[in-house]
């Protein structure tokens, strides 16, 4: 049995993680990433702004 490379191990681990979220195809991954980006964008746009004072 050949040893797996670290990159192959990481890829297999990522596939298992995505599978745990019900993501099995490229289309499902694209959709999940798009939805996550949209949620982050909405969060940034609606987050209360922070005032930063300069000490210079």
N, C-alpha and C. Protein backbone atom coordinates (compact mmCIF):
# COMPACT_ATOMS: atom_id res chain seq x y z
N UNK A 1 0.85 -1.19 0.00
CA UNK A 1 0.00 0.00 0.00
C UNK A 1 0.89 1.25 0.00
N UNK A 2 0.68 2.16 -0.94
CA UNK A 2 1.48 3.38 -1.04
C UNK A 2 1.04 4.38 0.02
N UNK A 3 2.02 5.15 0.48
CA UNK A 3 1.71 6.19 1.46
C UNK A 3 1.01 7.36 0.76
N UNK A 4 0.04 7.95 1.44
CA UNK A 4 -0.63 9.14 0.92
C UNK A 4 0.24 10.36 1.19
N UNK A 5 0.23 11.29 0.26
CA UNK A 5 0.94 12.54 0.46
C UNK A 5 0.10 13.43 1.36
N UNK A 6 0.73 14.39 2.02
CA UNK A 6 -0.06 15.30 2.89
C UNK A 6 -1.18 16.00 2.13
N UNK A 7 -0.93 16.38 0.87
CA UNK A 7 -1.96 17.06 0.09
C UNK A 7 -3.14 16.13 -0.16
N UNK A 8 -2.85 14.88 -0.50
CA UNK A 8 -3.92 13.91 -0.75
C UNK A 8 -4.71 13.66 0.54
N UNK A 9 -4.00 13.58 1.67
CA UNK A 9 -4.67 13.40 2.96
C UNK A 9 -5.59 14.58 3.25
N UNK A 10 -5.11 15.80 2.98
CA UNK A 10 -5.93 16.99 3.22
C UNK A 10 -7.15 17.00 2.31
N UNK A 11 -6.97 16.59 1.06
CA UNK A 11 -8.09 16.56 0.12
C UNK A 11 -9.14 15.55 0.57
N UNK A 12 -8.70 14.39 1.01
CA UNK A 12 -9.64 13.36 1.49
C UNK A 12 -10.35 13.83 2.75
N UNK A 13 -9.64 14.52 3.63
CA UNK A 13 -10.25 15.05 4.84
C UNK A 13 -11.31 16.09 4.49
N UNK A 14 -10.98 16.98 3.54
CA UNK A 14 -11.94 17.99 3.11
C UNK A 14 -13.18 17.34 2.49
N UNK A 15 -12.98 16.30 1.68
CA UNK A 15 -14.12 15.60 1.09
C UNK A 15 -15.03 15.01 2.17
N UNK A 16 -14.44 14.45 3.22
CA UNK A 16 -15.24 13.90 4.33
C UNK A 16 -16.00 15.00 5.06
N UNK A 17 -15.35 16.14 5.27
CA UNK A 17 -16.01 17.26 5.96
C UNK A 17 -17.17 17.78 5.12
N UNK A 18 -16.93 18.00 3.83
CA UNK A 18 -18.00 18.49 2.95
C UNK A 18 -19.15 17.49 2.88
N UNK A 19 -18.82 16.22 2.83
CA UNK A 19 -19.85 15.18 2.81
C UNK A 19 -20.71 15.25 4.07
N UNK A 20 -20.07 15.56 5.19
CA UNK A 20 -20.80 15.70 6.45
C UNK A 20 -21.80 16.84 6.42
N UNK A 21 -21.54 17.84 5.57
CA UNK A 21 -22.47 18.96 5.40
C UNK A 21 -23.45 18.72 4.27
N UNK A 22 -23.40 17.52 3.69
CA UNK A 22 -24.32 17.18 2.61
C UNK A 22 -23.87 17.72 1.26
N UNK A 23 -22.60 18.05 1.12
CA UNK A 23 -22.07 18.59 -0.13
C UNK A 23 -21.29 17.47 -0.81
N UNK A 24 -21.82 17.03 -1.98
CA UNK A 24 -21.22 15.90 -2.68
C UNK A 24 -20.81 16.23 -4.11
N UNK A 25 -21.25 17.35 -4.65
CA UNK A 25 -20.93 17.70 -6.04
C UNK A 25 -20.36 19.11 -6.12
N UNK A 26 -19.75 19.42 -7.25
CA UNK A 26 -19.22 20.77 -7.47
C UNK A 26 -20.34 21.80 -7.42
N UNK A 27 -21.50 21.45 -7.97
CA UNK A 27 -22.63 22.37 -7.98
C UNK A 27 -23.11 22.67 -6.56
N UNK A 28 -23.15 21.65 -5.72
CA UNK A 28 -23.56 21.86 -4.32
C UNK A 28 -22.53 22.72 -3.59
N UNK A 29 -21.25 22.53 -3.88
CA UNK A 29 -20.20 23.33 -3.26
C UNK A 29 -20.30 24.77 -3.72
N UNK A 30 -20.50 24.98 -5.03
CA UNK A 30 -20.65 26.34 -5.55
C UNK A 30 -21.81 27.06 -4.89
N UNK A 31 -22.92 26.36 -4.75
CA UNK A 31 -24.11 26.96 -4.14
C UNK A 31 -23.85 27.30 -2.67
N UNK A 32 -23.21 26.39 -1.94
CA UNK A 32 -22.92 26.62 -0.52
C UNK A 32 -21.97 27.80 -0.35
N UNK A 33 -20.95 27.88 -1.20
CA UNK A 33 -20.01 29.00 -1.11
C UNK A 33 -20.69 30.32 -1.45
N UNK A 34 -21.55 30.31 -2.45
CA UNK A 34 -22.28 31.52 -2.84
C UNK A 34 -23.18 31.98 -1.70
N UNK A 35 -23.90 31.04 -1.09
CA UNK A 35 -24.79 31.38 0.03
C UNK A 35 -23.99 31.92 1.21
N UNK A 36 -22.84 31.32 1.50
CA UNK A 36 -22.01 31.79 2.61
C UNK A 36 -21.48 33.19 2.34
N UNK A 37 -21.03 33.44 1.11
CA UNK A 37 -20.53 34.77 0.76
C UNK A 37 -21.63 35.81 0.87
N UNK A 38 -22.83 35.45 0.43
CA UNK A 38 -23.95 36.38 0.54
C UNK A 38 -24.26 36.69 2.00
N UNK A 39 -24.22 35.68 2.86
CA UNK A 39 -24.50 35.89 4.28
C UNK A 39 -23.43 36.79 4.91
N UNK A 40 -22.17 36.59 4.54
CA UNK A 40 -21.10 37.41 5.08
C UNK A 40 -21.26 38.85 4.61
N UNK A 41 -21.58 39.02 3.33
CA UNK A 41 -21.76 40.36 2.77
C UNK A 41 -22.89 41.08 3.48
N UNK A 42 -24.00 40.41 3.69
CA UNK A 42 -25.13 41.02 4.38
C UNK A 42 -24.73 41.37 5.81
N UNK A 43 -23.98 40.48 6.46
CA UNK A 43 -23.52 40.75 7.82
C UNK A 43 -22.63 41.97 7.89
N UNK A 44 -21.74 42.11 6.93
CA UNK A 44 -20.84 43.27 6.90
C UNK A 44 -21.63 44.54 6.66
N UNK A 45 -22.59 44.49 5.75
CA UNK A 45 -23.36 45.68 5.38
C UNK A 45 -24.29 46.13 6.52
N UNK A 46 -24.70 45.21 7.37
CA UNK A 46 -25.64 45.57 8.44
C UNK A 46 -24.97 45.71 9.80
N UNK A 47 -23.68 45.41 9.88
CA UNK A 47 -22.97 45.51 11.14
C UNK A 47 -22.79 46.97 11.54
N UNK A 48 -22.93 47.22 12.83
CA UNK A 48 -22.78 48.58 13.34
C UNK A 48 -21.31 49.01 13.16
N UNK A 49 -21.13 50.23 12.66
CA UNK A 49 -19.77 50.70 12.41
C UNK A 49 -19.06 50.99 13.73
N UNK A 50 -17.75 50.92 13.69
CA UNK A 50 -16.91 51.17 14.86
C UNK A 50 -16.10 52.44 14.60
N UNK A 51 -16.14 53.36 15.53
CA UNK A 51 -15.33 54.58 15.42
C UNK A 51 -13.95 54.33 16.00
N UNK A 52 -12.93 54.62 15.20
CA UNK A 52 -11.55 54.42 15.63
C UNK A 52 -10.89 55.79 15.73
N UNK A 53 -10.34 56.08 16.92
CA UNK A 53 -9.65 57.36 17.13
C UNK A 53 -8.17 57.17 16.88
N UNK A 54 -7.58 58.13 16.18
CA UNK A 54 -6.16 58.11 15.91
C UNK A 54 -5.42 58.67 17.12
N UNK A 55 -4.29 58.05 17.46
CA UNK A 55 -3.49 58.53 18.60
C UNK A 55 -2.33 59.38 18.11
N UNK A 56 -2.27 59.64 16.81
CA UNK A 56 -1.13 60.43 16.26
C UNK A 56 -1.33 61.90 16.41
